[in-house]
Protein backbone atom coordinates (compact mmCIF):
# COMPACT_ATOMS: atom_id res chain seq x y z
CA MET A 1 0.00 0.00 0.00
CA SER A 2 1.44 3.34 -0.99
CA VAL A 3 0.86 6.43 1.11
CA GLU A 4 0.39 9.83 -0.52
CA ARG A 5 3.82 11.42 -0.67
CA ALA A 6 3.60 14.59 1.39
CA PRO A 7 6.90 16.30 2.19
CA ILE A 8 9.20 14.18 4.32
CA ARG A 9 11.26 16.09 6.88
CA PHE A 10 14.67 14.77 7.98
CA GLU A 11 16.11 15.81 11.35
CA PHE A 12 19.60 15.13 12.63
CA SER A 13 19.79 13.80 16.20
CA PRO A 14 16.45 15.24 17.33
CA GLU A 15 15.06 14.61 20.76
CA ILE A 16 12.96 11.48 20.38
CA ASP A 17 11.60 9.23 23.08
CA ASN A 18 11.47 5.47 23.43
CA GLU A 19 7.72 5.37 22.84
CA GLU A 20 8.08 7.01 19.40
CA LEU A 21 11.01 4.83 18.35
CA ASN A 22 9.44 1.62 19.62
CA ALA A 23 6.24 2.48 17.72
CA LEU A 24 8.24 3.05 14.52
CA PHE A 25 10.21 -0.18 14.91
CA ALA A 26 7.02 -2.13 15.73
CA VAL A 27 5.41 -1.11 12.42
CA SER A 28 8.65 -1.76 10.55
CA TRP A 29 9.88 -5.09 11.94
CA ALA A 30 7.58 -8.02 12.78
CA ASP A 31 9.92 -9.32 15.50
CA HIS A 32 10.63 -6.00 17.24
CA GLU A 33 10.85 -6.17 21.02
CA GLU A 34 10.50 -2.91 22.95
CA ARG A 35 13.78 -1.51 24.18
CA ASP A 36 15.41 1.54 25.69
CA PHE A 37 16.95 3.48 22.80
CA GLN A 38 18.35 6.31 24.92
CA PRO A 39 21.74 4.70 25.76
CA VAL A 40 22.21 3.94 22.05
CA LEU A 41 21.29 7.45 20.94
CA GLY A 42 23.62 8.92 23.54
CA ARG A 43 26.56 7.09 21.97
CA SER A 44 25.68 7.87 18.35
CA LEU A 45 27.83 9.96 16.07
CA VAL A 46 24.55 11.07 14.51
CA TYR A 47 21.12 9.59 13.99
CA ILE A 48 18.56 10.77 11.50
CA VAL A 49 14.81 10.60 11.83
CA ALA A 50 12.44 11.00 8.87
CA TYR A 51 9.09 12.55 9.73
CA HIS A 52 5.81 12.69 7.84
CA LEU A 53 3.26 15.03 9.41
CA ASP A 54 5.28 15.03 12.66
CA ARG A 55 5.19 11.21 12.86
CA PRO A 56 8.53 9.36 12.80
CA ILE A 57 8.44 7.12 9.72
CA GLY A 58 12.17 6.43 9.24
CA PHE A 59 15.37 6.16 11.22
CA VAL A 60 19.05 5.44 10.77
CA ASN A 61 21.88 5.51 13.29
CA VAL A 62 25.58 6.14 12.71
CA VAL A 63 28.16 5.21 15.32
CA GLY A 64 31.86 5.88 15.04
CA ASP A 65 35.12 4.49 16.34
CA GLY A 66 36.48 7.96 17.12
CA ASP A 67 38.75 7.82 14.09
CA VAL A 68 38.06 7.01 10.43
CA HIS A 69 35.41 4.27 10.68
CA ALA A 70 31.67 4.76 11.05
CA PHE A 71 28.96 2.14 11.13
CA LEU A 72 25.41 2.36 9.81
CA LEU A 73 22.86 0.71 12.12
CA ASP A 74 19.11 0.19 12.35
CA THR A 75 18.03 1.57 8.98
CA THR A 76 14.26 1.50 9.42
CA VAL A 77 11.27 2.73 7.44
CA ALA A 78 7.64 2.12 8.42
CA ARG A 79 6.05 -0.48 6.14
CA ASP A 80 3.50 1.96 4.68
CA TYR A 81 6.34 4.23 3.56
CA GLN A 82 8.72 1.66 2.11
CA ARG A 83 9.74 1.66 -1.55
CA GLN A 84 9.43 5.45 -1.79
CA GLY A 85 13.13 6.32 -1.55
CA ILE A 86 13.10 7.21 2.15
CA ALA A 87 15.68 4.61 3.17
CA THR A 88 17.89 5.75 0.30
CA ASP A 89 17.58 9.36 1.50
CA LEU A 90 18.36 8.34 5.09
CA ILE A 91 21.45 6.41 4.01
CA ALA A 92 22.73 9.24 1.80
CA ARG A 93 22.28 11.79 4.59
CA ALA A 94 23.96 9.43 7.07
CA ALA A 95 26.93 8.98 4.72
CA ARG A 96 27.37 12.74 4.34
CA ALA A 97 27.08 13.27 8.10
CA ALA A 98 29.67 10.55 8.76
CA ARG A 99 32.04 12.09 6.21
CA ASP A 100 31.51 15.56 7.68
CA ALA A 101 32.36 14.13 11.12
CA GLY A 102 35.72 12.90 9.79
CA ALA A 103 34.94 9.29 8.94
CA ARG A 104 36.60 7.92 5.84
CA TRP A 105 34.82 4.56 5.79
CA LEU A 106 31.16 3.74 6.35
CA HIS A 107 30.42 0.12 7.17
CA VAL A 108 27.08 -1.67 7.10
CA ASP A 109 25.97 -5.25 7.71
CA PHE A 110 22.71 -6.42 6.22
CA GLU A 111 20.66 -9.47 5.38
CA PRO A 112 20.85 -10.72 1.77
CA HIS A 113 17.39 -9.43 0.80
CA LEU A 114 18.58 -5.87 1.56
CA ALA A 115 21.59 -6.08 -0.77
CA PRO A 116 19.87 -4.18 -3.62
CA LEU A 117 19.17 -1.21 -1.32
CA TYR A 118 22.73 -0.99 -0.04
CA ARG A 119 24.35 -1.68 -3.43
CA ALA A 120 22.23 1.12 -4.95
CA ALA A 121 23.43 3.38 -2.11
CA GLY A 122 27.05 2.73 -3.16
CA PHE A 123 28.13 0.04 -0.71
CA GLY A 124 30.48 -2.52 -2.20
CA HIS A 125 30.77 -6.16 -1.27
CA THR A 126 33.24 -7.06 1.48
CA GLU A 127 34.02 -10.11 3.50
CA ALA A 128 33.18 -9.69 7.17
CA GLY A 129 32.78 -11.76 10.26
CA LEU A 130 30.23 -11.81 13.01
CA LEU A 131 30.50 -13.41 16.42
CA ARG A 132 27.35 -13.74 18.55
CA LEU A 133 28.36 -12.82 22.11
CA GLU A 134 25.26 -13.96 23.92
CA ASP A 135 24.15 -17.51 24.40
CA GLU A 136 20.72 -18.26 22.94
CA ALA A 137 19.96 -20.50 25.94
CA GLU A 138 20.27 -17.65 28.45
């Protein structure tokens, strides 16, 4: 279902509460579990929120290593707003903000079905590793 495309507003590191972010993630990801976003936001290099009529409909977070590497996390767009270029806009703005903050490399991990989005945004293929630090049985 496509929503009428009214102007989308992008804000850099705005004040946003857990209720708003959990609501956005709940309508974006079927398996979302409520969480406290504030510690994450407090450690971010920058995060960007996309708004439609004052409602958060998109989000992306950039964290940095304090040097030349930045990492793109939690790219999220509400289901009713997907496939309208909002994620692409969020990623492009995040890349510029990371570069402006001194990063020379922007990393992202993603599931295979998201490859077209990230390839279109300019991300190349790399080999990477991932180690799960928590035990599923806990």
